[in-house]
C-alpha atoms as a PDB file:
ATOM      1  CA  MET A   1     133.441 -89.785 -47.827  1.00  0.00           C
ATOM      2  CA  LEU A   2     132.852 -87.133 -45.163  1.00  0.00           C
ATOM      3  CA  VAL A   3     130.211 -84.513 -45.704  1.00  0.00           C
ATOM      4  CA  LEU A   4     130.306 -81.297 -43.713  1.00  0.00           C
ATOM      5  CA  MET A   5     126.847 -80.102 -42.756  1.00  0.00           C
ATOM      6  CA  ILE A   6     125.962 -76.788 -41.118  1.00  0.00           C
ATOM      7  CA  GLU A   7     122.568 -76.590 -39.405  1.00  0.00           C
ATOM      8  CA  ASN A   8     121.579 -73.434 -37.529  1.00  0.00           C
ATOM      9  CA  SER A   9     124.572 -73.982 -35.309  1.00  0.00           C
ATOM     10  CA  LYS A  10     127.933 -72.373 -34.881  1.00  0.00           C
ATOM     11  CA  LEU A  11     129.503 -75.836 -34.870  1.00  0.00           C
ATOM     12  CA  PRO A  12     129.660 -77.922 -38.044  1.00  0.00           C
ATOM     13  CA  LYS A  13     128.110 -81.376 -37.988  1.00  0.00           C
ATOM     14  CA  ILE A  14     130.042 -84.133 -39.676  1.00  0.00           C
ATOM     15  CA  GLN A  15     128.115 -86.973 -41.244  1.00  0.00           C
ATOM     16  CA  LEU A  16     129.650 -90.080 -42.755  1.00  0.00           C
ATOM     17  CA  VAL A  17     128.056 -91.019 -46.042  1.00  0.00           C
ATOM     18  CA  ALA A  18     128.443 -94.731 -46.675  1.00  0.00           C
ATOM     19  CA  PRO A  19     129.296 -95.958 -50.142  1.00  0.00           C
ATOM     20  CA  PRO A  20     126.551 -97.952 -51.861  1.00  0.00           C
ATOM     21  CA  CYS A  21     126.319-101.712 -51.471  1.00  0.00           C
ATOM     22  CA  PRO A  22     128.030-103.320 -54.479  1.00  0.00           C
ATOM     23  CA  ARG A  23     125.051-105.649 -55.109  1.00  0.00           C
ATOM     24  CA  CYS A  24     121.920-103.553 -54.544  1.00  0.00           C
ATOM     25  CA  ILE A  25     123.494-100.075 -54.913  1.00  0.00           C
ATOM     26  CA  LYS A  26     121.686 -98.794 -51.787  1.00  0.00           C
ATOM     27  CA  ARG A  27     123.524 -96.896 -49.081  1.00  0.00           C
ATOM     28  CA  GLY A  28     124.564 -98.740 -45.959  1.00  0.00           C
ATOM     29  CA  GLN A  29     125.573 -97.898 -42.417  1.00  0.00           C
ATOM     30  CA  LEU A  30     129.093 -97.809 -41.021  1.00  0.00           C
ATOM     31  CA  VAL A  31     129.795-100.589 -38.509  1.00  0.00           C
ATOM     32  CA  ARG A  32     132.780-101.175 -36.281  1.00  0.00           C
ATOM     33  CA  ASN A  33     135.354-103.711 -37.340  1.00  0.00           C
ATOM     34  CA  LEU A  34     134.806-105.421 -33.969  1.00  0.00           C
ATOM     35  CA  THR A  35     131.152-105.984 -34.871  1.00  0.00           C
ATOM     36  CA  VAL A  36     132.038-107.585 -38.199  1.00  0.00           C
ATOM     37  CA  ARG A  37     134.728-109.802 -36.659  1.00  0.00           C
ATOM     38  CA  SER A  38     132.431-110.862 -33.815  1.00  0.00           C
ATOM     39  CA  LEU A  39     129.529-111.900 -36.012  1.00  0.00           C
ATOM     40  CA  LEU A  40     131.114-113.619 -38.998  1.00  0.00           C
ATOM     41  CA  ILE A  41     131.520-117.378 -39.138  1.00  0.00           C
ATOM     42  CA  PRO A  42     135.174-118.507 -38.766  1.00  0.00           C
ATOM     43  CA  LYS A  43     135.746-119.120 -42.492  1.00  0.00           C
ATOM     44  CA  ALA A  44     134.541-115.612 -43.397  1.00  0.00           C
ATOM     45  CA  LYS A  45     136.256-113.953 -40.435  1.00  0.00           C
ATOM     46  CA  LYS A  46     139.641-114.903 -41.907  1.00  0.00           C
ATOM     47  CA  ARG A  47     138.966-112.490 -44.794  1.00  0.00           C
ATOM     48  CA  VAL A  48     138.299-109.444 -42.603  1.00  0.00           C
ATOM     49  CA  MET A  49     140.812-106.657 -43.116  1.00  0.00           C
ATOM     50  CA  ASP A  50     141.480-103.536 -41.054  1.00  0.00           C
ATOM     51  CA  ILE A  51     139.275-101.330 -43.217  1.00  0.00           C
ATOM     52  CA  ALA A  52     135.872 -99.696 -42.895  1.00  0.00           C
ATOM     53  CA  TYR A  53     132.857-101.984 -43.267  1.00  0.00           C
ATOM     54  CA  TYR A  54     129.228-101.119 -43.838  1.00  0.00           C
ATOM     55  CA  LEU A  55     125.974-102.951 -43.116  1.00  0.00           C
ATOM     56  CA  CYS A  56     123.725-103.229 -46.171  1.00  0.00           C
ATOM     57  CA  LEU A  57     120.328-101.851 -45.099  1.00  0.00           C
ATOM     58  CA  SER A  58     118.278-103.343 -47.921  1.00  0.00           C
ATOM     59  CA  PRO A  59     115.900-106.071 -46.684  1.00  0.00           C
ATOM     60  CA  ASP A  60     116.003-107.794 -50.080  1.00  0.00           C
ATOM     61  CA  CYS A  61     119.784-107.831 -50.552  1.00  0.00           C
ATOM     62  CA  GLU A  62     121.776-110.889 -49.472  1.00  0.00           C
ATOM     63  CA  VAL A  63     124.797-108.740 -48.551  1.00  0.00           C
ATOM     64  CA  SER A  64     125.384-108.302 -44.843  1.00  0.00           C
ATOM     65  CA  TYR A  65     128.682-106.384 -44.700  1.00  0.00           C
ATOM     66  CA  TYR A  66     130.714-104.746 -47.439  1.00  0.00           C
ATOM     67  CA  SER A  67     133.577-102.322 -47.883  1.00  0.00           C
ATOM     68  CA  LYS A  68     134.837-100.008 -50.593  1.00  0.00           C
ATOM     69  CA  GLU A  69     137.015-102.903 -51.766  1.00  0.00           C
ATOM     70  CA  PRO A  70     135.017-104.893 -54.352  1.00  0.00           C
ATOM     71  CA  SER A  71     136.269-108.227 -53.018  1.00  0.00           C
ATOM     72  CA  GLU A  72     135.270-107.420 -49.441  1.00  0.00           C
ATOM     73  CA  VAL A  73     131.633-108.508 -49.431  1.00  0.00           C
ATOM     74  CA  PHE A  74     130.006-110.817 -46.908  1.00  0.00           C
ATOM     75  CA  THR A  75     126.528-112.271 -47.295  1.00  0.00           C
ATOM     76  CA  THR A  76     123.909-113.174 -44.727  1.00  0.00           C
ATOM     77  CA  LYS A  77     125.211-116.758 -44.921  1.00  0.00           C
ATOM     78  CA  ASP A  78     128.551-115.511 -43.555  1.00  0.00           C
ATOM     79  CA  VAL A  79     126.953-114.104 -40.389  1.00  0.00           C
ATOM     80  CA  LYS A  80     126.332-116.201 -37.254  1.00  0.00           C
ATOM     81  CA  VAL A  81     122.981-114.550 -36.474  1.00  0.00           C
ATOM     82  CA  PRO A  82     120.013-113.513 -38.594  1.00  0.00           C
ATOM     83  CA  ILE A  83     119.898-109.795 -39.393  1.00  0.00           C
ATOM     84  CA  TRP A  84     116.510-108.664 -38.095  1.00  0.00           C
ATOM     85  CA  PHE A  85     115.472-106.503 -41.058  1.00  0.00           C
ATOM     86  CA  LYS A  86     116.585-108.867 -43.812  1.00  0.00           C
ATOM     87  CA  LYS A  87     113.927-110.827 -45.656  1.00  0.00           C
ATOM     88  CA  ASP A  88     113.538-114.332 -44.247  1.00  0.00           C
ATOM     89  CA  ALA A  89     115.441-113.483 -41.025  1.00  0.00           C
ATOM     90  CA  HIS A  90     114.554-116.148 -38.495  1.00  0.00           C
ATOM     91  CA  PRO A  91     114.421-115.712 -35.652  1.00  0.00           C
ATOM     92  CA  LYS A  92     113.970-111.947 -35.605  1.00  0.00           C
ATOM     93  CA  TYR A  93     115.765-110.778 -32.476  1.00  0.00           C
ATOM     94  CA  ALA A  94     114.599-107.796 -30.444  1.00  0.00           C
ATOM     95  CA  CYS A  95     117.668-108.257 -28.243  1.00  0.00           C
ATOM     96  CA  TYR A  96     120.735-110.015 -29.599  1.00  0.00           C
ATOM     97  CA  CYS A  97     122.646-109.852 -26.301  1.00  0.00           C
ATOM     98  CA  ASN A  98     120.034-111.856 -24.414  1.00  0.00           C
ATOM     99  CA  LYS A  99     118.780-113.873 -27.404  1.00  0.00           C
ATOM    100  CA  ILE A 100     115.228-112.566 -27.017  1.00  0.00           C
ATOM    101  CA  THR A 101     113.104-112.650 -30.123  1.00  0.00           C
ATOM    102  CA  ASP A 102     110.666-109.982 -31.200  1.00  0.00           C
ATOM    103  CA  GLU A 103     107.874-112.474 -30.557  1.00  0.00           C
ATOM    104  CA  GLU A 104     109.080-113.237 -27.004  1.00  0.00           C
ATOM    105  CA  ALA A 105     109.319-109.526 -26.121  1.00  0.00           C
ATOM    106  CA  PHE A 106     105.880-108.884 -27.659  1.00  0.00           C
ATOM    107  CA  ASN A 107     104.283-111.781 -25.750  1.00  0.00           C
ATOM    108  CA  ALA A 108     105.952-110.837 -22.447  1.00  0.00           C
ATOM    109  CA  ALA A 109     104.642-107.268 -22.682  1.00  0.00           C
ATOM    110  CA  LYS A 110     101.205-108.475 -23.771  1.00  0.00           C
ATOM    111  CA  GLU A 111     100.872-111.146 -21.066  1.00  0.00           C
ATOM    112  CA  THR A 112     102.466-109.355 -18.106  1.00  0.00           C
ATOM    113  CA  GLY A 113     101.992-105.661 -18.845  1.00  0.00           C
ATOM    114  CA  LEU A 114     105.688-105.053 -18.209  1.00  0.00           C
ATOM    115  CA  SER A 115     106.837-101.980 -20.096  1.00  0.00           C
ATOM    116  CA  GLU A 116     110.558-101.707 -19.392  1.00  0.00           C
ATOM    117  CA  GLN A 117     113.162-103.551 -21.427  1.00  0.00           C
ATOM    118  CA  SER A 118     115.198-104.559 -18.357  1.00  0.00           C
ATOM    119  CA  GLU A 119     112.073-105.916 -16.614  1.00  0.00           C
ATOM    120  CA  ILE A 120     111.159-108.037 -19.619  1.00  0.00           C
ATOM    121  CA  ILE A 121     114.714-109.326 -19.999  1.00  0.00           C
ATOM    122  CA  GLU A 122     114.798-110.294 -16.302  1.00  0.00           C
ATOM    123  CA  PHE A 123     111.360-111.890 -16.656  1.00  0.00           C
ATOM    124  CA  LEU A 124     112.498-113.977 -19.633  1.00  0.00           C
ATOM    125  CA  ARG A 125     116.178-114.581 -18.870  1.00  0.00           C
ATOM    126  CA  GLU A 126     116.737-113.605 -15.203  1.00  0.00           C
ATOM    127  CA  LYS A 127     119.952-111.673 -15.969  1.00  0.00           C
ATOM    128  CA  VAL A 128     120.500-108.648 -18.209  1.00  0.00           C
ATOM    129  CA  LYS A 129     123.535-108.781 -20.493  1.00  0.00           C
ATOM    130  CA  CYS A 130     124.585-105.959 -22.793  1.00  0.00           C
ATOM    131  CA  ALA A 131     127.175-106.381 -25.536  1.00  0.00           C
ATOM    132  CA  CYS A 132     125.442-104.821 -28.524  1.00  0.00           C
ATOM    133  CA  VAL A 133     128.639-103.717 -30.252  1.00  0.00           C
ATOM    134  CA  ALA A 134     129.686-107.362 -30.559  1.00  0.00           C
ATOM    135  CA  MET A 135     126.302-109.089 -30.827  1.00  0.00           C
ATOM    136  CA  ASN A 136     123.930-106.821 -32.772  1.00  0.00           C
ATOM    137  CA  PRO A 137     124.667-106.848 -36.535  1.00  0.00           C
ATOM    138  CA  SER A 138     124.462-103.039 -36.602  1.00  0.00           C
ATOM    139  CA  GLY A 139     126.813-102.744 -33.634  1.00  0.00           C
ATOM    140  CA  LEU A 140     124.240-100.428 -32.058  1.00  0.00           C
ATOM    141  CA  CYS A 141     121.990-100.796 -29.038  1.00  0.00           C
ATOM    142  CA  CYS A 142     119.002-103.129 -29.347  1.00  0.00           C
ATOM    143  CA  THR A 143     116.706-100.772 -27.409  1.00  0.00           C
ATOM    144  CA  PRO A 144     114.813 -99.386 -30.446  1.00  0.00           C
ATOM    145  CA  LEU A 145     114.000-102.927 -31.658  1.00  0.00           C
ATOM    146  CA  PHE A 146     112.973-104.023 -28.188  1.00  0.00           C
ATOM    147  CA  SER A 147     110.878-100.900 -27.604  1.00  0.00           C
ATOM    148  CA  GLU A 148     108.915-101.542 -30.782  1.00  0.00           C
ATOM    149  CA  ALA A 149     108.052-105.064 -29.604  1.00  0.00           C
ATOM    150  CA  ILE A 150     107.023-103.737 -26.160  1.00  0.00           C
ATOM    151  CA  ILE A 151     104.792-101.027 -27.649  1.00  0.00           C
ATOM    152  CA  ASN A 152     103.123-103.524 -29.948  1.00  0.00           C
ATOM    153  CA  GLY A 153     102.657-106.026 -27.103  1.00  0.00           C
ATOM    154  CA  LEU A 154     101.143-103.435 -24.777  1.00  0.00           C
ATOM    155  CA  ALA A 155      98.825-102.225 -27.543  1.00  0.00           C
ATOM    156  CA  ALA A 156      97.645-105.810 -28.113  1.00  0.00           C
ATOM    157  CA  ARG A 157      97.131-106.169 -24.348  1.00  0.00           C
ATOM    158  CA  GLU A 158      94.914-103.062 -24.298  1.00  0.00           C
ATOM    159  CA  GLU A 159      92.942-104.348 -27.269  1.00  0.00           C
ATOM    160  CA  GLY A 160      92.497-107.701 -25.531  1.00  0.00           C
ATOM    161  CA  ASN A 161      94.125-109.677 -28.348  1.00  0.00           C
END
């Protein structure tokens, strides 16, 4: 469903409203078909159709991706990587592209004082890779996740913890 929104602008803003997850009934987030195909295990990938898929944003729900079609539901067990915000996600990645966990990014910032994502990635992995659309379950950039770990690590460094 498309919702037309007008906000103090002469141009309308279009916002996609995702249908609710069929299990938890909470709204999700639209993801690219490429993201879904890239992250599902082979057995589940065979079921992917050329339709819109959504990421279930509920930490307590076992659904990873779903569509408007009732039969098109994938669980966290169907995904190759843990989804960082889901309960029991392990490891919790700050950067899926470079396989850097939240804990690694936190510790690197805390121990070295580095404050830039690219510096920390080079410190931990030597080479920066970026393929978020295919490697991050949301299909979006990992920077917000990584930035949170850096901020927390630098704060712990200042506190001396």
